[in-house]
Amino acid sequence: MGTVIGALLSFPLSFLAASNVAPRWVVLPVRQLLNIIRALPE
């Protein structure tokens, strides 16, 4: 269930963090958000 929740939430965010899909002003804050989440242990 944790993987399902992570997949559902990360799937749209991954498009917003991809430089070939989203504009730069969207990519940078979304990538920083993902970095912050990744830095926090479960």
Full PDB file with SEQRES, HELIX, SHEET, SSBOND, CRYST1, ORIGX, SCALE, CONECT and MASTER records, all heavy atoms in Angstrom:
SEQRES   1 A   42  MET GLY THR VAL ILE GLY ALA LEU LEU SER PHE PRO LEU          
SEQRES   2 A   42  SER PHE LEU ALA ALA SER ASN VAL ALA PRO ARG TRP VAL          
SEQRES   3 A   42  VAL LEU PRO VAL ARG GLN LEU LEU ASN ILE ILE ARG ALA          
SEQRES   4 A   42  LEU PRO GLU                                                  
HELIX    1 AA1 GLY A    2  LEU A   16  1                                  15    
HELIX    2 AA2 ARG A   24  ALA A   39  1                                  16    
CRYST1    1.000    1.000    1.000  90.00  90.00  90.00 P 1           1          
ORIGX1      1.000000  0.000000  0.000000        0.00000                         
ORIGX2      0.000000  1.000000  0.000000        0.00000                         
ORIGX3      0.000000  0.000000  1.000000        0.00000                         
SCALE1      1.000000  0.000000  0.000000        0.00000                         
SCALE2      0.000000  1.000000  0.000000        0.00000                         
SCALE3      0.000000  0.000000  1.000000        0.00000                         
ATOM      1  N   MET A   1       0.827  -1.205   0.000  1.00  0.00           N  
ATOM      2  CA  MET A   1       0.000   0.000   0.000  1.00  0.00           C  
ATOM      3  C   MET A   1       0.866   1.261   0.000  1.00  0.00           C  
ATOM      4  O   MET A   1       0.521   2.256  -0.633  1.00  0.00           O  
ATOM      5  CB  MET A   1      -0.936  -0.002   1.206  1.00  0.00           C  
ATOM      6  CG  MET A   1      -2.028  -1.049   1.143  1.00  0.00           C  
ATOM      7  SD  MET A   1      -2.988  -0.971  -0.391  1.00  0.00           S  
ATOM      8  CE  MET A   1      -3.605   0.705  -0.335  1.00  0.00           C  
ATOM      9  N   GLY A   2       1.996   1.224   0.710  1.00  0.00           N  
ATOM     10  CA  GLY A   2       2.909   2.360   0.669  1.00  0.00           C  
ATOM     11  C   GLY A   2       3.450   2.595  -0.725  1.00  0.00           C  
ATOM     12  O   GLY A   2       3.578   3.747  -1.172  1.00  0.00           O  
ATOM     13  N   THR A   3       3.752   1.509  -1.448  1.00  0.00           N  
ATOM     14  CA  THR A   3       4.234   1.647  -2.818  1.00  0.00           C  
ATOM     15  C   THR A   3       3.153   2.189  -3.733  1.00  0.00           C  
ATOM     16  O   THR A   3       3.419   3.024  -4.606  1.00  0.00           O  
ATOM     17  CB  THR A   3       4.731   0.290  -3.340  1.00  0.00           C  
ATOM     18  OG1 THR A   3       5.713  -0.237  -2.441  1.00  0.00           O  
ATOM     19  CG2 THR A   3       5.337   0.426  -4.714  1.00  0.00           C  
ATOM     20  N   VAL A   4       1.913   1.731  -3.540  1.00  0.00           N  
ATOM     21  CA  VAL A   4       0.798   2.235  -4.358  1.00  0.00           C  
ATOM     22  C   VAL A   4       0.590   3.732  -4.124  1.00  0.00           C  
ATOM     23  O   VAL A   4       0.425   4.516  -5.065  1.00  0.00           O  
ATOM     24  CB  VAL A   4      -0.492   1.451  -4.043  1.00  0.00           C  
ATOM     25  CG1 VAL A   4      -1.700   2.104  -4.708  1.00  0.00           C  
ATOM     26  CG2 VAL A   4      -0.363   0.007  -4.505  1.00  0.00           C  
ATOM     27  N   ILE A   5       0.632   4.145  -2.853  1.00  0.00           N  
ATOM     28  CA  ILE A   5       0.477   5.577  -2.542  1.00  0.00           C  
ATOM     29  C   ILE A   5       1.620   6.375  -3.161  1.00  0.00           C  
ATOM     30  O   ILE A   5       1.406   7.433  -3.772  1.00  0.00           O  
ATOM     31  CB  ILE A   5       0.432   5.780  -1.018  1.00  0.00           C  
ATOM     32  CG1 ILE A   5      -0.841   5.157  -0.442  1.00  0.00           C  
ATOM     33  CG2 ILE A   5       0.495   7.264  -0.670  1.00  0.00           C  
ATOM     34  CD1 ILE A   5      -0.882   5.154   1.072  1.00  0.00           C  
ATOM     35  N   GLY A   6       2.843   5.887  -3.013  1.00  0.00           N  
ATOM     36  CA  GLY A   6       3.985   6.581  -3.596  1.00  0.00           C  
ATOM     37  C   GLY A   6       3.910   6.656  -5.109  1.00  0.00           C  
ATOM     38  O   GLY A   6       4.255   7.680  -5.707  1.00  0.00           O  
ATOM     39  N   ALA A   7       3.443   5.577  -5.748  1.00  0.00           N  
ATOM     40  CA  ALA A   7       3.338   5.569  -7.208  1.00  0.00           C  
ATOM     41  C   ALA A   7       2.281   6.563  -7.687  1.00  0.00           C  
ATOM     42  O   ALA A   7       2.496   7.302  -8.650  1.00  0.00           O  
ATOM     43  CB  ALA A   7       3.014   4.165  -7.697  1.00  0.00           C  
ATOM     44  N   LEU A   8       1.126   6.578  -7.021  1.00  0.00           N  
ATOM     45  CA  LEU A   8       0.052   7.484  -7.436  1.00  0.00           C  
ATOM     46  C   LEU A   8       0.444   8.952  -7.264  1.00  0.00           C  
ATOM     47  O   LEU A   8       0.089   9.797  -8.093  1.00  0.00           O  
ATOM     48  CB  LEU A   8      -1.218   7.181  -6.633  1.00  0.00           C  
ATOM     49  CG  LEU A   8      -1.875   5.830  -6.901  1.00  0.00           C  
ATOM     50  CD1 LEU A   8      -3.083   5.630  -5.990  1.00  0.00           C  
ATOM     51  CD2 LEU A   8      -2.296   5.711  -8.367  1.00  0.00           C  
ATOM     52  N   LEU A   9       1.159   9.260  -6.190  1.00  0.00           N  
ATOM     53  CA  LEU A   9       1.548  10.653  -5.948  1.00  0.00           C  
ATOM     54  C   LEU A   9       2.741  11.077  -6.808  1.00  0.00           C  
ATOM     55  O   LEU A   9       2.823  12.227  -7.248  1.00  0.00           O  
ATOM     56  CB  LEU A   9       1.878  10.863  -4.469  1.00  0.00           C  
ATOM     57  CG  LEU A   9       0.718  10.688  -3.484  1.00  0.00           C  
ATOM     58  CD1 LEU A   9       1.196  10.900  -2.057  1.00  0.00           C  
ATOM     59  CD2 LEU A   9      -0.421  11.647  -3.802  1.00  0.00           C  
ATOM     60  N   SER A  10       3.677  10.160  -7.036  1.00  0.00           N  
ATOM     61  CA  SER A  10       4.897  10.524  -7.761  1.00  0.00           C  
ATOM     62  C   SER A  10       4.684  10.559  -9.270  1.00  0.00           C  
ATOM     63  O   SER A  10       5.445  11.250  -9.971  1.00  0.00           O  
ATOM     64  CB  SER A  10       6.009   9.526  -7.436  1.00  0.00           C  
ATOM     65  OG  SER A  10       5.686   8.225  -7.926  1.00  0.00           O  
ATOM     66  N   PHE A  11       3.699   9.849  -9.785  1.00  0.00           N  
ATOM     67  CA  PHE A  11       3.516   9.779 -11.239  1.00  0.00           C  
ATOM     68  C   PHE A  11       3.248  11.158 -11.847  1.00  0.00           C  
ATOM     69  O   PHE A  11       3.940  11.563 -12.795  1.00  0.00           O  
ATOM     70  CB  PHE A  11       2.407   8.798 -11.590  1.00  0.00           C  
ATOM     71  CG  PHE A  11       2.309   8.497 -13.059  1.00  0.00           C  
ATOM     72  CD1 PHE A  11       3.303   7.775 -13.700  1.00  0.00           C  
ATOM     73  CD2 PHE A  11       1.230   8.945 -13.810  1.00  0.00           C  
ATOM     74  CE1 PHE A  11       3.223   7.496 -15.056  1.00  0.00           C  
ATOM     75  CE2 PHE A  11       1.144   8.677 -15.159  1.00  0.00           C  
ATOM     76  CZ  PHE A  11       2.139   7.946 -15.789  1.00  0.00           C  
ATOM     77  N   PRO A  12       2.265  11.930 -11.343  1.00  0.00           N  
ATOM     78  CA  PRO A  12       2.096  13.279 -11.924  1.00  0.00           C  
ATOM     79  C   PRO A  12       3.261  14.211 -11.610  1.00  0.00           C  
ATOM     80  O   PRO A  12       3.619  15.065 -12.438  1.00  0.00           O  
ATOM     81  CB  PRO A  12       0.789  13.770 -11.290  1.00  0.00           C  
ATOM     82  CG  PRO A  12       0.635  12.978 -10.048  1.00  0.00           C  
ATOM     83  CD  PRO A  12       1.229  11.646 -10.337  1.00  0.00           C  
ATOM     84  N   LEU A  13       3.868  14.070 -10.424  1.00  0.00           N  
ATOM     85  CA  LEU A  13       4.995  14.937 -10.084  1.00  0.00           C  
ATOM     86  C   LEU A  13       6.197  14.678 -10.986  1.00  0.00           C  
ATOM     87  O   LEU A  13       6.982  15.598 -11.253  1.00  0.00           O  
ATOM     88  CB  LEU A  13       5.392  14.723  -8.620  1.00  0.00           C  
ATOM     89  CG  LEU A  13       4.409  15.233  -7.562  1.00  0.00           C  
ATOM     90  CD1 LEU A  13       4.898  14.871  -6.168  1.00  0.00           C  
ATOM     91  CD2 LEU A  13       4.213  16.738  -7.678  1.00  0.00           C  
ATOM     92  N   SER A  14       6.351  13.446 -11.445  1.00  0.00           N  
ATOM     93  CA  SER A  14       7.493  13.137 -12.308  1.00  0.00           C  
ATOM     94  C   SER A  14       7.412  13.888 -13.635  1.00  0.00           C  
ATOM     95  O   SER A  14       8.439  14.279 -14.193  1.00  0.00           O  
ATOM     96  CB  SER A  14       7.562  11.625 -12.554  1.00  0.00           C  
ATOM     97  OG  SER A  14       6.394  11.171 -13.230  1.00  0.00           O  
ATOM     98  N   PHE A  15       6.205  14.112 -14.153  1.00  0.00           N  
ATOM     99  CA  PHE A  15       6.073  14.888 -15.382  1.00  0.00           C  
ATOM    100  C   PHE A  15       6.395  16.363 -15.130  1.00  0.00           C  
ATOM    101  O   PHE A  15       6.971  17.031 -15.988  1.00  0.00           O  
ATOM    102  CB  PHE A  15       4.656  14.748 -15.942  1.00  0.00           C  
ATOM    103  CG  PHE A  15       4.382  13.409 -16.559  1.00  0.00           C  
ATOM    104  CD1 PHE A  15       3.878  12.373 -15.810  1.00  0.00           C  
ATOM    105  CD2 PHE A  15       4.653  13.181 -17.898  1.00  0.00           C  
ATOM    106  CE1 PHE A  15       3.624  11.135 -16.380  1.00  0.00           C  
ATOM    107  CE2 PHE A  15       4.409  11.950 -18.475  1.00  0.00           C  
ATOM    108  CZ  PHE A  15       3.896  10.924 -17.714  1.00  0.00           C  
ATOM    109  N   LEU A  16       6.017  16.857 -13.952  1.00  0.00           N  
ATOM    110  CA  LEU A  16       6.323  18.245 -13.625  1.00  0.00           C  
ATOM    111  C   LEU A  16       7.807  18.451 -13.340  1.00  0.00           C  
ATOM    112  O   LEU A  16       8.293  19.585 -13.389  1.00  0.00           O  
ATOM    113  CB  LEU A  16       5.499  18.691 -12.406  1.00  0.00           C  
ATOM    114  CG  LEU A  16       3.986  18.645 -12.570  1.00  0.00           C  
ATOM    115  CD1 LEU A  16       3.308  19.053 -11.275  1.00  0.00           C  
ATOM    116  CD2 LEU A  16       3.535  19.541 -13.724  1.00  0.00           C  
ATOM    117  N   ALA A  17       8.540  17.365 -13.025  1.00  0.00           N  
ATOM    118  CA  ALA A  17       9.973  17.463 -12.743  1.00  0.00           C  
ATOM    119  C   ALA A  17      10.826  17.135 -13.951  1.00  0.00           C  
ATOM    120  O   ALA A  17      12.058  17.197 -13.864  1.00  0.00           O  
ATOM    121  CB  ALA A  17      10.350  16.527 -11.586  1.00  0.00           C  
ATOM    122  N   ALA A  18      10.217  16.773 -15.080  1.00  0.00           N  
ATOM    123  CA  ALA A  18      10.965  16.432 -16.294  1.00  0.00           C  
ATOM    124  C   ALA A  18      11.174  17.686 -17.130  1.00  0.00           C  
ATOM    125  O   ALA A  18      10.211  18.380 -17.484  1.00  0.00           O  
ATOM    126  CB  ALA A  18      10.218  15.373 -17.104  1.00  0.00           C  
ATOM    127  N   SER A  19      12.415  17.978 -17.463  1.00  0.00           N  
ATOM    128  CA  SER A  19      12.737  19.223 -18.167  1.00  0.00           C  
ATOM    129  C   SER A  19      12.255  19.231 -19.605  1.00  0.00           C  
ATOM    130  O   SER A  19      12.107  20.302 -20.190  1.00  0.00           O  
ATOM    131  CB  SER A  19      14.254  19.451 -18.127  1.00  0.00           C  
ATOM    132  OG  SER A  19      14.938  18.355 -18.730  1.00  0.00           O  
ATOM    133  N   ASN A  20      12.003  18.063 -20.201  1.00  0.00           N  
ATOM    134  CA  ASN A  20      11.538  18.024 -21.580  1.00  0.00           C  
ATOM    135  C   ASN A  20      10.020  18.079 -21.688  1.00  0.00           C  
ATOM    136  O   ASN A  20       9.477  18.043 -22.792  1.00  0.00           O  
ATOM    137  CB  ASN A  20      12.042  16.759 -22.274  1.00  0.00           C  
ATOM    138  CG  ASN A  20      11.533  15.497 -21.599  1.00  0.00           C  
ATOM    139  OD1 ASN A  20      11.225  15.485 -20.407  1.00  0.00           O  
ATOM    140  ND2 ASN A  20      11.448  14.414 -22.355  1.00  0.00           N  
ATOM    141  N   VAL A  21       9.336  18.162 -20.559  1.00  0.00           N  
ATOM    142  CA  VAL A  21       7.874  18.192 -20.557  1.00  0.00           C  
ATOM    143  C   VAL A  21       7.350  19.483 -19.945  1.00  0.00           C  
ATOM    144  O   VAL A  21       6.461  20.145 -20.500  1.00  0.00           O  
ATOM    145  CB  VAL A  21       7.300  16.973 -19.796  1.00  0.00           C  
ATOM    146  CG1 VAL A  21       5.787  17.100 -19.650  1.00  0.00           C  
ATOM    147  CG2 VAL A  21       7.656  15.686 -20.528  1.00  0.00           C  
ATOM    148  N   ALA A  22       7.868  19.854 -18.769  1.00  0.00           N  
ATOM    149  CA  ALA A  22       7.384  21.017 -18.039  1.00  0.00           C  
ATOM    150  C   ALA A  22       8.338  22.195 -18.200  1.00  0.00           C  
ATOM    151  O   ALA A  22       9.538  22.004 -18.462  1.00  0.00           O  
ATOM    152  CB  ALA A  22       7.226  20.669 -16.548  1.00  0.00           C  
ATOM    153  N   PRO A  23       7.847  23.413 -18.043  1.00  0.00           N  
ATOM    154  CA  PRO A  23       8.734  24.588 -18.113  1.00  0.00           C  
ATOM    155  C   PRO A  23       9.682  24.644 -16.926  1.00  0.00           C  
ATOM    156  O   PRO A  23       9.441  24.028 -15.887  1.00  0.00           O  
ATOM    157  CB  PRO A  23       7.755  25.770 -18.111  1.00  0.00           C  
ATOM    158  CG  PRO A  23       6.508  25.236 -17.482  1.00  0.00           C  
ATOM    159  CD  PRO A  23       6.433  23.788 -17.867  1.00  0.00           C  
ATOM    160  N   ARG A  24      10.747  25.412 -17.081  1.00  0.00           N  
ATOM    161  CA  ARG A  24      11.801  25.466 -16.073  1.00  0.00           C  
ATOM    162  C   ARG A  24      11.287  26.003 -14.740  1.00  0.00           C  
ATOM    163  O   ARG A  24      11.702  25.521 -13.687  1.00  0.00           O  
ATOM    164  CB  ARG A  24      12.962  26.327 -16.580  1.00  0.00           C  
ATOM    165  CG  ARG A  24      14.160  26.356 -15.646  1.00  0.00           C  
ATOM    166  CD  ARG A  24      15.302  27.134 -16.250  1.00  0.00           C  
ATOM    167  NE  ARG A  24      16.453  27.205 -15.358  1.00  0.00           N  
ATOM    168  CZ  ARG A  24      17.360  26.251 -15.234  1.00  0.00           C  
ATOM    169  NH1 ARG A  24      17.255  25.151 -15.942  1.00  0.00           N  
ATOM    170  NH2 ARG A  24      18.382  26.386 -14.401  1.00  0.00           N  
ATOM    171  N   TRP A  25      10.381  26.988 -14.770  1.00  0.00           N  
ATOM    172  CA  TRP A  25       9.887  27.567 -13.521  1.00  0.00           C  
ATOM    173  C   TRP A  25       9.021  26.585 -12.736  1.00  0.00           C  
ATOM    174  O   TRP A  25       8.763  26.793 -11.554  1.00  0.00           O  
ATOM    175  CB  TRP A  25       9.110  28.855 -13.806  1.00  0.00           C  
ATOM    176  CG  TRP A  25       7.882  28.669 -14.661  1.00  0.00           C  
ATOM    177  CD1 TRP A  25       7.812  28.725 -16.015  1.00  0.00           C  
ATOM    178  CD2 TRP A  25       6.551  28.407 -14.203  1.00  0.00           C  
ATOM    179  NE1 TRP A  25       6.538  28.504 -16.452  1.00  0.00           N  
ATOM    180  CE2 TRP A  25       5.734  28.310 -15.349  1.00  0.00           C  
ATOM    181  CE3 TRP A  25       5.978  28.231 -12.959  1.00  0.00           C  
ATOM    182  CZ2 TRP A  25       4.374  28.055 -15.274  1.00  0.00           C  
ATOM    183  CZ3 TRP A  25       4.613  27.985 -12.880  1.00  0.00           C  
ATOM    184  CH2 TRP A  25       3.819  27.898 -14.020  1.00  0.00           C  
ATOM    185  N   VAL A  26       8.585  25.500 -13.364  1.00  0.00           N  
ATOM    186  CA  VAL A  26       7.855  24.433 -12.669  1.00  0.00           C  
ATOM    187  C   VAL A  26       8.805  23.319 -12.262  1.00  0.00           C  
ATOM    188  O   VAL A  26       8.680  22.738 -11.174  1.00  0.00           O  
ATOM    189  CB  VAL A  26       6.728  23.874 -13.562  1.00  0.00           C  
ATOM    190  CG1 VAL A  26       6.041  22.677 -12.895  1.00  0.00           C  
ATOM    191  CG2 VAL A  26       5.704  24.957 -13.870  1.00  0.00           C  
ATOM    192  N   VAL A  27       9.778  23.015 -13.115  1.00  0.00           N  
ATOM    193  CA  VAL A  27      10.691  21.902 -12.860  1.00  0.00           C  
ATOM    194  C   VAL A  27      11.515  22.135 -11.596  1.00  0.00           C  
ATOM    195  O   VAL A  27      11.647  21.230 -10.744  1.00  0.00           O  
ATOM    196  CB  VAL A  27      11.626  21.689 -14.071  1.00  0.00           C  
ATOM    197  CG1 VAL A  27      12.715  20.675 -13.737  1.00  0.00           C  
ATOM    198  CG2 VAL A  27      10.819  21.217 -15.269  1.00  0.00           C  
ATOM    199  N   LEU A  28      12.056  23.323 -11.443  1.00  0.00           N  
ATOM    200  CA  LEU A  28      12.960  23.590 -10.314  1.00  0.00           C  
ATOM    201  C   LEU A  28      12.286  23.411  -8.959  1.00  0.00           C  
ATOM    202  O   LEU A  28      12.807  22.691  -8.102  1.00  0.00           O  
ATOM    203  CB  LEU A  28      13.566  24.985 -10.457  1.00  0.00           C  
ATOM    204  CG  LEU A  28      14.545  25.169 -11.621  1.00  0.00           C  
ATOM    205  CD1 LEU A  28      15.059  26.599 -11.669  1.00  0.00           C  
ATOM    206  CD2 LEU A  28      15.701  24.192 -11.501  1.00  0.00           C  
ATOM    207  N   PRO A  29      11.118  24.025  -8.671  1.00  0.00           N  
ATOM    208  CA  PRO A  29      10.503  23.815  -7.353  1.00  0.00           C  
ATOM    209  C   PRO A  29      10.040  22.387  -7.119  1.00  0.00           C  
ATOM    210  O   PRO A  29      10.121  21.879  -5.992  1.00  0.00           O  
ATOM    211  CB  PRO A  29       9.329  24.799  -7.336  1.00  0.00           C  
ATOM    212  CG  PRO A  29       9.063  25.116  -8.760  1.00  0.00           C  
ATOM    213  CD  PRO A  29      10.376  25.035  -9.452  1.00  0.00           C  
ATOM    214  N   VAL A  30       9.569  21.712  -8.161  1.00  0.00           N  
ATOM    215  CA  VAL A  30       9.121  20.319  -7.986  1.00  0.00           C  
ATOM    216  C   VAL A  30      10.314  19.425  -7.675  1.00  0.00           C  
ATOM    217  O   VAL A  30      10.230  18.535  -6.811  1.00  0.00           O  
ATOM    218  CB  VAL A  30       8.385  19.835  -9.249  1.00  0.00           C  
ATOM    219  CG1 VAL A  30       8.068  18.344  -9.142  1.00  0.00           C  
ATOM    220  CG2 VAL A  30       7.098  20.617  -9.442  1.00  0.00           C  
ATOM    221  N   ARG A  31      11.433  19.645  -8.334  1.00  0.00           N  
ATOM    222  CA  ARG A  31      12.629  18.849  -8.035  1.00  0.00           C  
ATOM    223  C   ARG A  31      13.110  19.094  -6.613  1.00  0.00           C  
ATOM    224  O   ARG A  31      13.547  18.158  -5.924  1.00  0.00           O  
ATOM    225  CB  ARG A  31      13.734  19.176  -9.032  1.00  0.00           C  
ATOM    226  CG  ARG A  31      13.516  18.573 -10.410  1.00  0.00           C  
ATOM    227  CD  ARG A  31      14.711  18.808 -11.310  1.00  0.00           C  
ATOM    228  NE  ARG A  31      14.541  18.159 -12.601  1.00  0.00           N  
ATOM    229  CZ  ARG A  31      15.433  18.217 -13.586  1.00  0.00           C  
ATOM    230  NH1 ARG A  31      16.562  18.904 -13.400  1.00  0.00           N  
ATOM    231  NH2 ARG A  31      15.206  17.597 -14.735  1.00  0.00           N  
ATOM    232  N   GLN A  32      13.043  20.335  -6.154  1.00  0.00           N  
ATOM    233  CA  GLN A  32      13.441  20.623  -4.780  1.00  0.00           C  
ATOM    234  C   GLN A  32      12.507  19.945  -3.788  1.00  0.00           C  
ATOM    235  O   GLN A  32      12.942  19.451  -2.740  1.00  0.00           O  
ATOM    236  CB  GLN A  32      13.468  22.130  -4.541  1.00  0.00           C  
ATOM    237  CG  GLN A  32      14.533  22.866  -5.332  1.00  0.00           C  
ATOM    238  CD  GLN A  32      15.924  22.297  -5.106  1.00  0.00           C  
ATOM    239  OE1 GLN A  32      16.316  22.010  -3.967  1.00  0.00           O  
ATOM    240  NE2 GLN A  32      16.689  22.133  -6.177  1.00  0.00           N  
ATOM    241  N   LEU A  33      11.218  19.910  -4.107  1.00  0.00           N  
ATOM    242  CA  LEU A  33      10.267  19.208  -3.247  1.00  0.00           C  
ATOM    243  C   LEU A  33      10.598  17.723  -3.161  1.00  0.00           C  
ATOM    244  O   LEU A  33      10.590  17.124  -2.072  1.00  0.00           O  
ATOM    245  CB  LEU A  33       8.845  19.404  -3.780  1.00  0.00           C  
ATOM    246  CG  LEU A  33       7.735  18.625  -3.065  1.00  0.00           C  
ATOM    247  CD1 LEU A  33       7.622  19.058  -1.600  1.00  0.00           C  
ATOM    248  CD2 LEU A  33       6.411  18.794  -3.788  1.00  0.00           C  
ATOM    249  N   LEU A  34      10.917  17.113  -4.291  1.00  0.00           N  
ATOM    250  CA  LEU A  34      11.293  15.700  -4.295  1.00  0.00           C  
ATOM    251  C   LEU A  34      12.585  15.477  -3.523  1.00  0.00           C  
ATOM    252  O   LEU A  34      12.734  14.447  -2.839  1.00  0.00           O  
ATOM    253  CB  LEU A  34      11.441  15.212  -5.736  1.00  0.00           C  
ATOM    254  CG  LEU A  34      10.172  15.218  -6.597  1.00  0.00           C  
ATOM    255  CD1 LEU A  34      10.484  14.771  -8.015  1.00  0.00           C  
ATOM    256  CD2 LEU A  34       9.092  14.327  -5.990  1.00  0.00           C  
ATOM    257  N   ASN A  35      13.521  16.407  -3.619  1.00  0.00           N  
ATOM    258  CA  ASN A  35      14.770  16.283  -2.869  1.00  0.00           C  
ATOM    259  C   ASN A  35      14.515  16.330  -1.364  1.00  0.00           C  
ATOM    260  O   ASN A  35      15.130  15.584  -0.589  1.00  0.00           O  
ATOM    261  CB  ASN A  35      15.735  17.399  -3.266  1.00  0.00           C  
ATOM    262  CG  ASN A  35      16.263  17.221  -4.683  1.00  0.00           C  
ATOM    263  OD1 ASN A  35      16.300  16.117  -5.206  1.00  0.00           O  
ATOM    264  ND2 ASN A  35      16.654  18.320  -5.298  1.00  0.00           N  
ATOM    265  N   ILE A  36      13.627  17.221  -0.938  1.00  0.00           N  
ATOM    266  CA  ILE A  36      13.312  17.333   0.490  1.00  0.00           C  
ATOM    267  C   ILE A  36      12.670  16.052   0.998  1.00  0.00           C  
ATOM    268  O   ILE A  36      13.030  15.528   2.061  1.00  0.00           O  
ATOM    269  CB  ILE A  36      12.396  18.549   0.734  1.00  0.00           C  
ATOM    270  CG1 ILE A  36      13.150  19.849   0.432  1.00  0.00           C  
ATOM    271  CG2 ILE A  36      11.877  18.555   2.171  1.00  0.00           C  
ATOM    272  CD1 ILE A  36      12.277  21.085   0.479  1.00  0.00           C  
ATOM    273  N   ILE A  37      11.729  15.507   0.236  1.00  0.00           N  
ATOM    274  CA  ILE A  37      11.065  14.264   0.649  1.00  0.00           C  
ATOM    275  C   ILE A  37      12.061  13.120   0.700  1.00  0.00           C  
ATOM    276  O   ILE A  37      12.056  12.299   1.624  1.00  0.00           O  
ATOM    277  CB  ILE A  37       9.900  13.941  -0.301  1.00  0.00           C  
ATOM    278  CG1 ILE A  37       8.830  15.024  -0.231  1.00  0.00           C  
ATOM    279  CG2 ILE A  37       9.295  12.582   0.037  1.00  0.00           C  
ATOM    280  CD1 ILE A  37       7.714  14.844  -1.234  1.00  0.00           C  
ATOM    281  N   ARG A  38      12.956  13.076  -0.292  1.00  0.00           N  
ATOM    282  CA  ARG A  38      13.933  11.984  -0.353  1.00  0.00           C  
ATOM    283  C   ARG A  38      14.951  12.073   0.772  1.00  0.00           C  
ATOM    284  O   ARG A  38      15.532  11.069   1.181  1.00  0.00           O  
ATOM    285  CB  ARG A  38      14.624  12.006  -1.716  1.00  0.00           C  
ATOM    286  CG  ARG A  38      15.407  10.748  -2.027  1.00  0.00           C  
ATOM    287  CD  ARG A  38      15.807  10.672  -3.478  1.00  0.00           C  
ATOM    288  NE  ARG A  38      16.640  11.792  -3.889  1.00  0.00           N  
ATOM    289  CZ  ARG A  38      16.226  12.797  -4.655  1.00  0.00           C  
ATOM    290  NH1 ARG A  38      14.979  12.834  -5.068  1.00  0.00           N  
ATOM    291  NH2 ARG A  38      17.053  13.769  -5.004  1.00  0.00           N  
ATOM    292  N   ALA A  39      15.169  13.280   1.292  1.00  0.00           N  
ATOM    293  CA  ALA A  39      16.146  13.451   2.366  1.00  0.00           C  
ATOM    294  C   ALA A  39      15.603  13.031   3.727  1.00  0.00           C  
ATOM    295  O   ALA A  39      16.386  12.805   4.653  1.00  0.00           O  
ATOM    296  CB  ALA A  39      16.600  14.914   2.430  1.00  0.00           C  
ATOM    297  N   LEU A  40      14.302  12.898   3.855  1.00  0.00           N  
ATOM    298  CA  LEU A  40      13.701  12.530   5.139  1.00  0.00           C  
ATOM    299  C   LEU A  40      13.564  11.012   5.230  1.00  0.00           C  
ATOM    300  O   LEU A  40      12.879  10.414   4.398  1.00  0.00           O  
ATOM    301  CB  LEU A  40      12.323  13.178   5.299  1.00  0.00           C  
ATOM    302  CG  LEU A  40      12.296  14.717   5.374  1.00  0.00           C  
ATOM    303  CD1 LEU A  40      10.858  15.210   5.398  1.00  0.00           C  
ATOM    304  CD2 LEU A  40      13.040  15.198   6.612  1.00  0.00           C  
ATOM    305  N   PRO A  41      14.171  10.361   6.214  1.00  0.00           N  
ATOM    306  CA  PRO A  41      13.993   8.906   6.380  1.00  0.00           C  
ATOM    307  C   PRO A  41      12.555   8.562   6.745  1.00  0.00           C  
ATOM    308  O   PRO A  41      11.840   9.367   7.351  1.00  0.00           O  
ATOM    309  CB  PRO A  41      14.971   8.555   7.513  1.00  0.00           C  
ATOM    310  CG  PRO A  41      15.879   9.734   7.642  1.00  0.00           C  
ATOM    311  CD  PRO A  41      15.095  10.924   7.205  1.00  0.00           C  
ATOM    312  N   GLU A  42      12.144   7.359   6.371  1.00  0.00           N  
ATOM    313  CA  GLU A  42      10.779   6.934   6.668  1.00  0.00           C  
ATOM    314  C   GLU A  42      10.504   6.905   8.170  1.00  0.00           C  
ATOM    315  O   GLU A  42       9.402   7.235   8.610  1.00  0.00           O  
ATOM    316  CB  GLU A  42      10.512   5.541   6.071  1.00  0.00           C  
ATOM    317  CG  GLU A  42      10.391   5.498   4.565  1.00  0.00           C  
ATOM    318  CD  GLU A  42      11.735   5.429   3.886  1.00  0.00           C  
ATOM    319  OE1 GLU A  42      12.767   5.435   4.606  1.00  0.00           O  
ATOM    320  OE2 GLU A  42      11.772   5.378   2.638  1.00  0.00           O  
TER     321      GLU A  42                                                      
MASTER        0    0    0    2    0    0    0    6  320    1    0    4          
END                                                                             
